[in-house]
Amino acid sequence: MRRQKVCILGSTGSIGTSTLDVIERNSERFEVIALTANRNTRKLAEQCARFDARLAVIADPSLERDLAEELRNAGSSADTLSGPEALLSAAGMPEADIVMASIVGAAGLRSTFHAAQTGKRVLLANKESLVIAGEVFVNEARRHNATVLPVDSEHNAIFQSLPAGFEHGLEGAGVDKIILTASGGPFLAKAASELESVTPEQACAHPNWDMGRKISVDSATLMNKGLEVIEARWLFHARPDQIEVLVHPQSIVHSMVAYRDGSVIAQLGTPDMRTPIANVLAWPERIEAGVKRLQLAQMNDLSFLEPDLERFPCLAMAFEAMRRGDSAPAQLNAANEIAVESFLEGRIGFMRIPEVVAEVMECAEQVPLNSLDDVLVQDRVARRLANEYVLKLQ
């Protein structure tokens, strides 16, 4: 069996390191050829040495010399590149079969697009590609015969629960609803009055998942689920009214598909991102992921409830952005990224995050998006508006 050649965009983050763990457990099937990181030169160099990668890319050009030194110290012979164009080079390497797109936020948009445009199997952990550029991205992937597989645990669960041929229409496949589950984050049981004093450390302390700081805050506001709702619309060719969200605090049922005949098919598992990563790496086969097995006999407390959209308005705003379409999702995402960054830096309070997003959604003009350039323009406009509003709040 020829080993599949893998490029990981964002290898030093939580998804990237989990991907490398799965690959190491299945080294007879996969070969790492390129790894990229934003600024963590030491960890990137250690990964390149451990997996004998051929190319190391650091997003910050000022760190390329540091990376070269770290690679020498680690005993790696990988070539070094830096900057945005270098990320595109890694994503489009002719010899790469699989690209794990796990750069967080809009920063990963261009490289994820490029991987699709070169016809790769794209393992999509960069949800922003579909949130802010859904139709444009889907059309590009289809035009270049790229295979796009979802890494997010919820979307991967839906992918596993849908029948073959769903891409031709959910109704034709007998599907009634897609049901995304949400843990509810660390503040599910907190009164609204308590949320005003939430600290970044509290917001990042997710009860079930080990994630990066930005996505942890998104989980605490339920914006992460809102972004996933928009992503699901494009991944599964769903209408907005075919997508629902249920809060499931135990994070055991990762998502469900409800069928016309009354059946509900769900995917269950322990909260470990290596499960969906292994699924998309080897699809349609199954491989070892190193994940603790689910003990069903101990699952005596699985609960589900409707999300409280008044306490967590970010989810409601995401549904509204999905219904509006055009540039609304791109503006929602950009405003949220600025708001979360400002919260993590201590410049605004936790409950100001939805306020910033709402302000941008109110002020930004909604326009059609026909290209990646259109998407990036609206992303910049929304970021400017969000930054201006954050300054007013300080």
Protein backbone atom coordinates (compact mmCIF):
# COMPACT_ATOMS: atom_id res chain seq x y z
CA MET A 1 0.00 0.00 0.00
CA ARG A 2 1.36 3.41 -1.00
CA ARG A 3 1.53 5.76 1.94
CA GLN A 4 -0.68 8.84 1.65
CA LYS A 5 1.31 12.08 1.76
CA VAL A 6 -0.05 14.63 4.22
CA CYS A 7 0.39 18.38 4.67
CA ILE A 8 -0.82 19.89 7.95
CA LEU A 9 -1.66 23.59 7.94
CA GLY A 10 -1.45 24.65 11.58
CA SER A 11 0.46 21.66 12.94
CA THR A 12 1.32 23.14 16.35
CA GLY A 13 -2.31 23.74 17.39
CA SER A 14 -4.59 21.22 19.07
CA ILE A 15 -5.99 19.78 15.82
CA GLY A 16 -2.55 19.62 14.24
CA THR A 17 -0.96 17.81 17.18
CA SER A 18 -3.89 15.37 17.36
CA THR A 19 -3.51 14.70 13.64
CA LEU A 20 0.16 13.90 14.08
CA ASP A 21 -0.73 11.54 16.94
CA VAL A 22 -3.14 9.61 14.70
CA ILE A 23 -0.59 9.54 11.87
CA GLU A 24 2.10 8.20 14.20
CA ARG A 25 -0.22 5.36 15.20
CA ASN A 26 -0.74 4.55 11.51
CA SER A 27 2.70 5.31 10.08
CA GLU A 28 2.38 2.48 7.56
CA ARG A 29 -0.47 4.40 5.89
CA PHE A 30 0.57 8.06 6.09
CA GLU A 31 3.69 10.16 5.47
CA VAL A 32 4.04 13.76 6.66
CA ILE A 33 5.61 15.97 3.99
CA ALA A 34 4.84 19.56 5.11
CA LEU A 35 4.03 21.28 8.38
CA THR A 36 3.15 24.92 9.05
CA ALA A 37 2.77 27.11 12.12
CA ASN A 38 2.06 30.73 12.95
CA ARG A 39 4.90 31.61 15.37
CA ASN A 40 5.87 28.51 17.36
CA THR A 41 9.23 27.78 15.73
CA ARG A 42 10.52 25.36 18.36
CA LYS A 43 7.48 23.09 18.34
CA LEU A 44 7.33 23.17 14.54
CA ALA A 45 11.00 22.17 14.31
CA GLU A 46 10.51 19.33 16.78
CA GLN A 47 7.56 18.04 14.76
CA CYS A 48 9.51 18.24 11.50
CA ALA A 49 12.36 16.25 13.01
CA ARG A 50 10.05 13.65 14.53
CA PHE A 51 8.07 13.06 11.34
CA ASP A 52 10.85 13.76 8.82
CA ALA A 53 8.87 16.48 7.06
CA ARG A 54 10.34 17.93 3.88
CA LEU A 55 8.96 21.46 4.26
CA ALA A 56 8.49 23.72 7.28
CA VAL A 57 6.56 26.98 6.89
CA ILE A 58 6.27 29.73 9.48
CA ALA A 59 3.54 32.30 8.81
CA ASP A 60 5.50 35.19 10.37
CA PRO A 61 8.35 36.07 7.96
CA SER A 62 10.41 37.64 10.75
CA LEU A 63 10.81 34.18 12.31
CA GLU A 64 12.16 32.28 9.29
CA ARG A 65 15.78 32.57 10.47
CA ASP A 66 14.78 31.40 13.95
CA LEU A 67 12.97 28.46 12.40
CA ALA A 68 16.02 27.46 10.37
CA GLU A 69 18.12 27.49 13.53
CA GLU A 70 15.56 25.47 15.47
CA LEU A 71 15.41 22.92 12.64
CA ARG A 72 19.21 22.51 12.73
CA ASN A 73 19.12 22.09 16.50
CA ALA A 74 16.37 19.48 16.20
CA GLY A 75 18.24 17.54 13.50
CA SER A 76 15.71 18.22 10.73
CA SER A 77 16.70 18.76 7.11
CA ALA A 78 13.36 20.30 6.13
CA ASP A 79 13.36 23.25 3.75
CA THR A 80 12.09 26.51 5.26
CA LEU A 81 9.67 29.08 3.87
CA SER A 82 7.72 31.92 5.46
CA GLY A 83 4.81 34.24 4.88
CA PRO A 84 1.35 33.96 3.29
CA GLU A 85 2.58 32.79 -0.12
CA ALA A 86 4.58 30.03 1.55
CA LEU A 87 1.38 28.74 3.16
CA LEU A 88 -0.10 28.47 -0.33
CA SER A 89 2.99 26.57 -1.50
CA ALA A 90 2.54 24.05 1.30
CA ALA A 91 -1.20 23.69 0.67
CA GLY A 92 -0.66 23.10 -3.03
CA MET A 93 2.38 20.79 -3.00
CA PRO A 94 1.89 18.56 -6.07
CA GLU A 95 2.90 15.42 -4.18
CA ALA A 96 0.46 15.99 -1.29
CA ASP A 97 -2.62 13.75 -1.28
CA ILE A 98 -4.21 15.11 1.89
CA VAL A 99 -4.25 18.60 3.39
CA MET A 100 -5.36 19.07 7.00
CA ALA A 101 -6.68 22.65 7.08
CA SER A 102 -6.49 23.52 10.78
CA ILE A 103 -5.34 27.16 10.85
CA VAL A 104 -7.79 28.96 13.13
CA GLY A 105 -9.92 31.80 11.84
CA ALA A 106 -9.91 33.79 8.62
CA ALA A 107 -6.09 33.51 8.58
CA GLY A 108 -6.51 30.01 7.18
CA LEU A 109 -8.89 30.98 4.40
CA ARG A 110 -6.53 31.45 1.44
CA SER A 111 -4.47 28.33 2.09
CA THR A 112 -7.61 26.21 2.52
CA PHE A 113 -8.98 27.59 -0.75
CA HIS A 114 -5.70 26.82 -2.48
CA ALA A 115 -5.77 23.22 -1.27
CA ALA A 116 -9.24 22.85 -2.77
CA GLN A 117 -8.18 24.54 -6.00
CA THR A 118 -5.38 21.98 -6.43
CA GLY A 119 -7.83 19.08 -6.09
CA LYS A 120 -6.64 17.70 -2.75
CA ARG A 121 -8.52 15.74 -0.14
CA VAL A 122 -9.16 18.66 2.21
CA LEU A 123 -9.75 17.77 5.85
CA LEU A 124 -11.67 20.83 6.94
CA ALA A 125 -11.01 21.99 10.48
CA ASN A 126 -10.90 25.63 9.37
CA LYS A 127 -14.66 26.19 9.62
CA GLU A 128 -14.28 29.82 8.56
CA SER A 129 -13.77 28.73 4.94
CA LEU A 130 -17.40 27.68 4.83
CA VAL A 131 -18.73 30.23 7.30
CA ILE A 132 -17.51 33.31 5.47
CA ALA A 133 -17.16 31.99 1.93
CA GLY A 134 -19.56 29.05 1.84
CA GLU A 135 -20.95 29.10 -1.69
CA VAL A 136 -17.71 30.41 -3.22
CA PHE A 137 -15.68 27.68 -1.49
CA VAL A 138 -18.11 24.88 -2.36
CA ASN A 139 -18.11 25.92 -6.02
CA GLU A 140 -14.29 26.04 -6.14
CA ALA A 141 -13.97 22.61 -4.55
CA ARG A 142 -16.48 21.15 -7.01
CA ARG A 143 -14.80 22.82 -9.99
CA HIS A 144 -11.42 21.28 -9.12
CA ASN A 145 -12.72 17.86 -8.01
CA ALA A 146 -11.48 18.33 -4.46
CA THR A 147 -12.84 16.08 -1.73
CA VAL A 148 -13.86 18.08 1.35
CA LEU A 149 -14.36 16.11 4.57
CA PRO A 150 -15.43 17.67 7.90
CA VAL A 151 -13.18 17.44 10.96
CA ASP A 152 -15.33 19.28 13.53
CA SER A 153 -16.74 16.57 15.79
CA GLU A 154 -20.33 17.67 15.14
CA HIS A 155 -20.05 17.84 11.37
CA ASN A 156 -18.10 14.63 11.24
CA ALA A 157 -20.85 12.97 13.28
CA ILE A 158 -23.44 14.18 10.77
CA PHE A 159 -21.25 13.03 7.89
CA GLN A 160 -21.10 9.56 9.44
CA SER A 161 -24.89 9.56 10.02
CA LEU A 162 -25.96 10.61 6.52
CA PRO A 163 -26.61 8.15 3.67
CA ALA A 164 -24.61 8.00 0.45
CA GLY A 165 -25.90 10.49 -2.09
CA PHE A 166 -26.91 13.15 0.43
CA GLU A 167 -25.01 15.72 -1.64
CA HIS A 168 -27.81 15.56 -4.22
CA GLY A 169 -30.31 16.87 -1.68
CA LEU A 170 -31.31 16.03 1.88
CA GLU A 171 -34.99 15.61 1.03
CA GLY A 172 -34.18 13.08 -1.67
CA ALA A 173 -32.13 11.18 0.91
CA GLY A 174 -35.10 11.05 3.28
CA VAL A 175 -33.57 13.51 5.75
CA ASP A 176 -35.85 15.75 7.79
CA LYS A 177 -33.41 17.59 10.07
CA ILE A 178 -29.74 17.91 10.91
CA ILE A 179 -29.35 18.27 14.68
CA LEU A 180 -26.10 19.78 15.95
CA THR A 181 -25.35 19.19 19.62
CA ALA A 182 -23.67 21.80 21.82
CA SER A 183 -22.06 21.21 25.19
CA GLY A 184 -23.27 24.60 26.38
CA GLY A 185 -19.74 25.52 27.43
CA PRO A 186 -18.56 26.37 30.95
CA PHE A 187 -21.38 28.83 31.74
CA LEU A 188 -24.44 26.76 30.95
CA ALA A 189 -25.63 26.83 34.57
CA LYS A 190 -24.56 30.41 35.36
CA ALA A 191 -27.13 33.15 35.81
CA ALA A 192 -27.00 35.96 33.27
CA SER A 193 -25.94 38.40 36.00
CA GLU A 194 -22.82 36.31 36.69
CA LEU A 195 -21.60 36.48 33.11
CA GLU A 196 -20.63 40.15 33.37
CA SER A 197 -17.59 39.32 35.52
CA VAL A 198 -16.33 36.30 33.58
CA THR A 199 -12.53 36.23 33.06
CA PRO A 200 -10.65 34.88 30.02
CA GLU A 201 -9.32 32.03 32.18
CA GLN A 202 -12.86 31.00 33.15
CA ALA A 203 -14.10 31.25 29.56
CA CYS A 204 -11.25 29.05 28.33
CA ALA A 205 -11.88 26.29 30.92
CA HIS A 206 -14.13 24.07 28.80
CA PRO A 207 -15.69 21.23 30.81
CA ASN A 208 -15.28 18.52 28.14
CA TRP A 209 -12.87 19.50 25.39
CA ASP A 210 -9.22 20.60 25.32
CA MET A 211 -9.21 23.41 22.74
CA GLY A 212 -7.42 26.61 21.82
CA ARG A 213 -8.33 29.89 23.53
CA LYS A 214 -10.32 31.42 20.70
CA ILE A 215 -12.53 28.40 20.08
CA SER A 216 -12.96 27.94 23.85
CA VAL A 217 -14.38 31.46 24.16
CA ASP A 218 -16.61 30.79 21.15
CA SER A 219 -17.91 27.71 22.92
CA ALA A 220 -18.62 29.76 26.04
CA THR A 221 -20.71 32.28 24.03
CA LEU A 222 -22.23 29.52 21.82
CA MET A 223 -20.86 31.40 18.79
CA ASN A 224 -18.89 28.27 17.96
CA LYS A 225 -22.17 26.44 17.52
CA GLY A 226 -23.49 29.32 15.45
CA LEU A 227 -20.50 29.11 13.12
CA GLU A 228 -21.05 25.36 12.89
CA VAL A 229 -24.68 25.94 11.89
CA ILE A 230 -23.54 28.07 8.94
CA GLU A 231 -20.85 25.52 8.06
CA ALA A 232 -23.41 22.69 8.10
CA ARG A 233 -25.58 24.56 5.65
CA TRP A 234 -22.85 24.33 3.00
CA LEU A 235 -21.27 21.02 3.93
CA PHE A 236 -24.55 19.14 3.71
CA HIS A 237 -26.45 21.21 1.14
CA ALA A 238 -29.07 22.05 3.78
CA ARG A 239 -31.64 24.80 3.92
CA PRO A 240 -31.57 26.97 7.06
CA ASP A 241 -34.84 25.43 8.27
CA GLN A 242 -33.28 21.96 8.11
CA ILE A 243 -30.72 22.70 10.85
CA GLU A 244 -31.36 22.66 14.60
CA VAL A 245 -29.23 22.91 17.75
CA LEU A 246 -29.70 21.04 21.01
CA VAL A 247 -27.60 21.53 24.14
CA HIS A 248 -26.11 18.22 25.30
CA PRO A 249 -23.81 18.91 28.28
CA GLN A 250 -22.16 15.47 28.34
CA SER A 251 -20.68 15.77 24.79
CA ILE A 252 -21.22 12.07 24.13
CA VAL A 253 -23.75 12.34 21.28
CA HIS A 254 -21.79 14.48 18.85
CA SER A 255 -24.70 15.19 16.50
CA MET A 256 -27.72 13.52 14.92
CA VAL A 257 -29.69 13.21 11.70
CA ALA A 258 -33.49 12.92 11.89
CA TYR A 259 -35.15 11.09 9.01
CA ARG A 260 -38.58 11.38 7.47
CA ASP A 261 -39.64 7.96 8.76
CA GLY A 262 -39.06 8.98 12.39
CA SER A 263 -35.60 7.43 12.72
CA VAL A 264 -32.81 9.41 14.37
CA ILE A 265 -29.25 8.28 13.67
CA ALA A 266 -26.56 9.60 16.00
CA GLN A 267 -22.79 9.25 16.33
CA LEU A 268 -21.50 8.73 19.87
CA GLY A 269 -18.02 8.71 21.29
CA THR A 270 -15.75 10.05 24.01
CA PRO A 271 -14.86 13.76 23.58
CA ASP A 272 -11.59 13.29 21.68
CA MET A 273 -10.82 14.98 18.37
CA ARG A 274 -8.70 12.05 17.25
CA THR A 275 -11.90 10.15 16.39
CA PRO A 276 -13.09 12.51 13.63
CA ILE A 277 -9.50 13.08 12.50
CA ALA A 278 -8.95 9.35 12.04
CA ASN A 279 -12.29 9.08 10.26
CA VAL A 280 -11.44 11.65 7.59
CA LEU A 281 -7.80 10.62 7.21
CA ALA A 282 -8.70 7.05 6.31
CA TRP A 283 -12.23 7.49 4.90
CA PRO A 284 -13.99 5.31 3.87
CA GLU A 285 -11.92 2.91 5.99
CA ARG A 286 -11.50 2.89 9.79
CA ILE A 287 -8.19 3.06 11.62
CA GLU A 288 -6.88 3.11 15.19
CA ALA A 289 -7.09 6.58 16.76
CA GLY A 290 -5.82 5.96 20.29
CA VAL A 291 -9.18 7.03 21.74
CA LYS A 292 -10.61 5.70 25.00
CA ARG A 293 -13.58 3.46 24.25
CA LEU A 294 -17.03 4.66 25.23
CA GLN A 295 -18.43 2.70 28.18
CA LEU A 296 -22.14 2.61 27.33
CA ALA A 297 -23.09 0.89 30.60
CA GLN A 298 -21.86 3.98 32.42
CA MET A 299 -23.88 6.39 30.26
CA ASN A 300 -26.84 6.82 32.58
CA ASP A 301 -27.23 10.58 32.37
CA LEU A 302 -27.52 11.84 28.79
CA SER A 303 -29.62 14.99 28.60
CA PHE A 304 -30.76 17.40 25.89
CA LEU A 305 -32.33 20.84 26.10
CA GLU A 306 -33.16 23.79 23.90
CA PRO A 307 -30.52 26.55 23.81
CA ASP A 308 -31.35 29.77 25.67
CA LEU A 309 -30.99 32.37 22.91
CA GLU A 310 -31.53 35.29 25.29
CA ARG A 311 -28.58 34.33 27.49
CA PHE A 312 -26.48 33.32 24.48
CA PRO A 313 -27.43 35.78 21.70
CA CYS A 314 -24.44 34.86 19.52
CA LEU A 315 -26.21 31.68 18.42
CA ALA A 316 -29.31 33.63 17.44
CA MET A 317 -27.19 36.10 15.46
CA ALA A 318 -25.52 33.26 13.59
CA PHE A 319 -28.87 31.79 12.57
CA GLU A 320 -29.93 35.24 11.38
CA ALA A 321 -26.69 35.69 9.39
CA MET A 322 -27.26 32.30 7.75
CA ARG A 323 -30.78 33.29 6.76
CA ARG A 324 -29.60 36.64 5.34
CA GLY A 325 -26.79 35.04 3.34
CA ASP A 326 -24.52 37.11 1.07
CA SER A 327 -21.87 38.89 3.17
CA ALA A 328 -23.66 38.54 6.53
CA PRO A 329 -21.82 35.38 7.69
CA ALA A 330 -18.43 36.87 6.74
CA GLN A 331 -19.23 40.02 8.72
CA LEU A 332 -20.47 37.99 11.69
CA ASN A 333 -17.26 35.94 11.78
CA ALA A 334 -14.92 38.93 11.43
CA ALA A 335 -16.70 40.90 14.14
CA ASN A 336 -16.59 37.91 16.46
CA GLU A 337 -12.87 37.35 15.91
CA ILE A 338 -12.13 40.97 16.85
CA ALA A 339 -14.48 40.82 19.85
CA VAL A 340 -12.98 37.58 21.19
CA GLU A 341 -9.43 38.86 20.70
CA SER A 342 -10.36 42.05 22.58
CA PHE A 343 -11.88 40.03 25.42
CA LEU A 344 -8.83 37.77 25.71
CA GLU A 345 -6.60 40.87 25.83
CA GLY A 346 -8.72 42.32 28.67
CA ARG A 347 -9.99 45.27 26.64
CA ILE A 348 -13.69 44.39 26.85
CA GLY A 349 -15.85 42.24 29.11
CA PHE A 350 -17.31 38.87 28.21
CA MET A 351 -20.85 40.16 27.62
CA ARG A 352 -19.50 42.82 25.27
CA ILE A 353 -18.64 40.12 22.72
CA PRO A 354 -22.21 39.75 21.40
CA GLU A 355 -22.63 43.53 21.62
CA VAL A 356 -19.70 44.08 19.25
CA VAL A 357 -21.04 41.49 16.82
CA ALA A 358 -24.54 42.97 16.90
CA GLU A 359 -23.18 46.45 16.23
CA VAL A 360 -21.26 45.30 13.15
CA MET A 361 -24.21 43.29 11.85
CA GLU A 362 -26.34 46.40 12.18
CA CYS A 363 -23.89 48.81 10.54
CA ALA A 364 -22.26 46.75 7.78
CA GLU A 365 -23.85 46.88 4.35
CA GLN A 366 -24.91 43.45 3.11
CA VAL A 367 -23.56 42.68 -0.38
CA PRO A 368 -23.32 39.59 -2.62
CA LEU A 369 -20.08 37.56 -2.63
CA ASN A 370 -18.90 36.20 -5.96
CA SER A 371 -15.20 35.57 -5.34
CA LEU A 372 -12.59 35.11 -2.65
CA ASP A 373 -11.58 38.76 -3.14
CA ASP A 374 -15.15 39.82 -2.36
CA VAL A 375 -15.02 37.73 0.82
CA LEU A 376 -11.74 39.27 1.96
CA VAL A 377 -13.00 42.81 1.35
CA GLN A 378 -16.05 42.23 3.55
CA ASP A 379 -13.87 40.58 6.18
CA ARG A 380 -11.69 43.71 6.32
CA VAL A 381 -14.69 46.05 6.45
CA ALA A 382 -16.25 44.17 9.36
CA ARG A 383 -12.95 44.05 11.26
CA ARG A 384 -12.57 47.80 10.90
CA LEU A 385 -16.09 48.40 12.21
CA ALA A 386 -15.55 46.00 15.10
CA ASN A 387 -12.26 47.62 16.10
CA GLU A 388 -13.86 51.06 16.02
CA TYR A 389 -16.66 49.90 18.29
CA VAL A 390 -14.26 48.22 20.72
CA LEU A 391 -12.41 51.53 21.06
CA LYS A 392 -15.69 53.23 21.98
CA LEU A 393 -16.28 50.65 24.71
CA GLN A 394 -12.90 51.20 26.37
